[in-house]
Protein backbone atom coordinates (compact mmCIF):
# COMPACT_ATOMS: atom_id res chain seq x y z
CA MET A 1 20.70 16.10 -21.06
CA THR A 2 18.29 16.02 -18.46
CA VAL A 3 18.84 17.30 -14.96
CA MET A 4 18.60 13.74 -13.82
CA ASP A 5 21.24 12.85 -15.69
CA ASP A 6 23.40 15.59 -14.56
CA TRP A 7 22.74 14.90 -11.35
CA VAL A 8 23.86 11.01 -12.02
CA THR A 9 26.88 12.02 -13.86
CA ALA A 10 28.07 14.42 -11.22
CA ALA A 11 27.20 12.12 -8.26
CA CYS A 12 29.15 9.63 -10.25
CA ALA A 13 32.09 11.19 -10.66
CA GLU A 14 32.45 12.20 -7.35
CA LEU A 15 31.99 8.63 -5.98
CA GLY A 16 34.33 7.58 -8.88
CA ILE A 17 31.99 5.18 -10.38
CA ASP A 18 30.89 4.47 -13.93
CA PRO A 19 27.55 6.23 -14.99
CA GLY A 20 27.00 3.58 -17.27
CA GLU A 21 26.77 1.03 -14.34
CA VAL A 22 23.83 3.24 -12.88
CA SER A 23 20.40 2.09 -14.09
CA VAL A 24 18.32 5.17 -13.11
CA PRO A 25 15.06 3.67 -14.09
CA VAL A 26 15.59 0.21 -11.87
CA VAL A 27 16.42 2.58 -9.03
CA LEU A 28 13.04 4.81 -9.64
CA ASP A 29 10.78 1.67 -10.65
CA LEU A 30 11.95 0.31 -6.89
CA ALA A 31 11.70 3.52 -4.91
CA LYS A 32 7.96 3.49 -6.60
CA ASP A 33 7.20 -0.04 -5.69
CA VAL A 34 8.24 0.44 -2.12
CA ALA A 35 6.81 4.02 -1.55
CA HIS A 36 3.50 2.78 -2.47
CA GLN A 37 2.99 -0.55 -1.34
CA VAL A 38 5.06 -0.97 1.73
CA LEU A 39 5.67 3.42 3.09
CA ARG A 40 6.73 6.35 1.47
CA PRO A 41 10.12 6.45 3.53
CA GLY A 42 11.35 2.73 2.79
CA ALA A 43 12.01 4.00 -0.78
CA PRO A 44 14.99 6.13 0.03
CA VAL A 45 16.43 3.58 2.83
CA THR A 46 15.56 0.25 0.33
CA ALA A 47 17.60 2.14 -2.43
CA TYR A 48 20.19 2.41 -0.39
CA LEU A 49 20.11 -1.66 0.79
CA LEU A 50 20.26 -1.93 -2.94
CA GLY A 51 23.42 0.29 -3.90
CA VAL A 52 25.00 -1.81 -0.36
CA ALA A 53 23.96 -5.04 -2.03
CA VAL A 54 25.56 -4.49 -5.48
CA GLY A 55 28.66 -2.83 -4.01
CA ARG A 56 28.57 -6.31 -2.59
CA GLY A 57 28.47 -7.72 -5.89
CA ALA A 58 24.89 -8.31 -7.03
CA ASP A 59 23.00 -7.67 -10.21
CA GLN A 60 21.61 -4.83 -9.77
CA ALA A 61 18.22 -5.35 -11.74
CA ALA A 62 17.62 -8.94 -10.21
CA THR A 63 18.04 -7.73 -6.65
CA ALA A 64 15.70 -4.91 -7.47
CA ALA A 65 13.39 -7.35 -8.96
CA ARG A 66 13.80 -9.34 -5.62
CA LEU A 67 12.99 -6.51 -4.01
CA SER A 68 10.16 -4.94 -5.86
CA GLU A 69 8.58 -8.55 -5.41
CA LEU A 70 9.30 -8.23 -1.84
CA ALA A 71 7.17 -4.96 -1.80
CA GLY A 72 4.39 -6.27 -3.80
CA THR A 73 3.83 -8.84 -1.48
CA TRP A 74 4.32 -6.81 1.87
CA PRO A 75 0.89 -6.84 3.80
CA VAL A 76 -0.79 -3.64 3.70
CA GLU A 77 -1.60 -1.57 7.03
CA LEU A 78 -5.17 -0.75 7.86
CA ASP A 79 -3.95 1.12 10.92
CA GLY A 80 -3.46 4.54 9.13
CA THR A 81 0.08 4.08 8.86
CA GLY A 82 0.40 2.12 5.36
CA PRO A 83 0.16 3.02 2.05
CA THR A 84 -3.90 2.93 2.22
CA GLY A 85 -4.30 4.61 5.34
């Protein structure tokens, strides 16, 4: 097991979540897309929003794909505040 596996297993146990319901690659890919295409601090916030949506019954992979697509269409700021600044 990796440190990530150990962490997710421990965090899931603490929260009463089945670790099999958590797709770490899906969450990390979404965070990467938001961090690189929108802004870095948006990555953990978006991961949280994904969790809220999934907790309300949304499909994790489909919701992450929708958010990644949104990030991919996000306008790039050229004033120094966006990912190309």
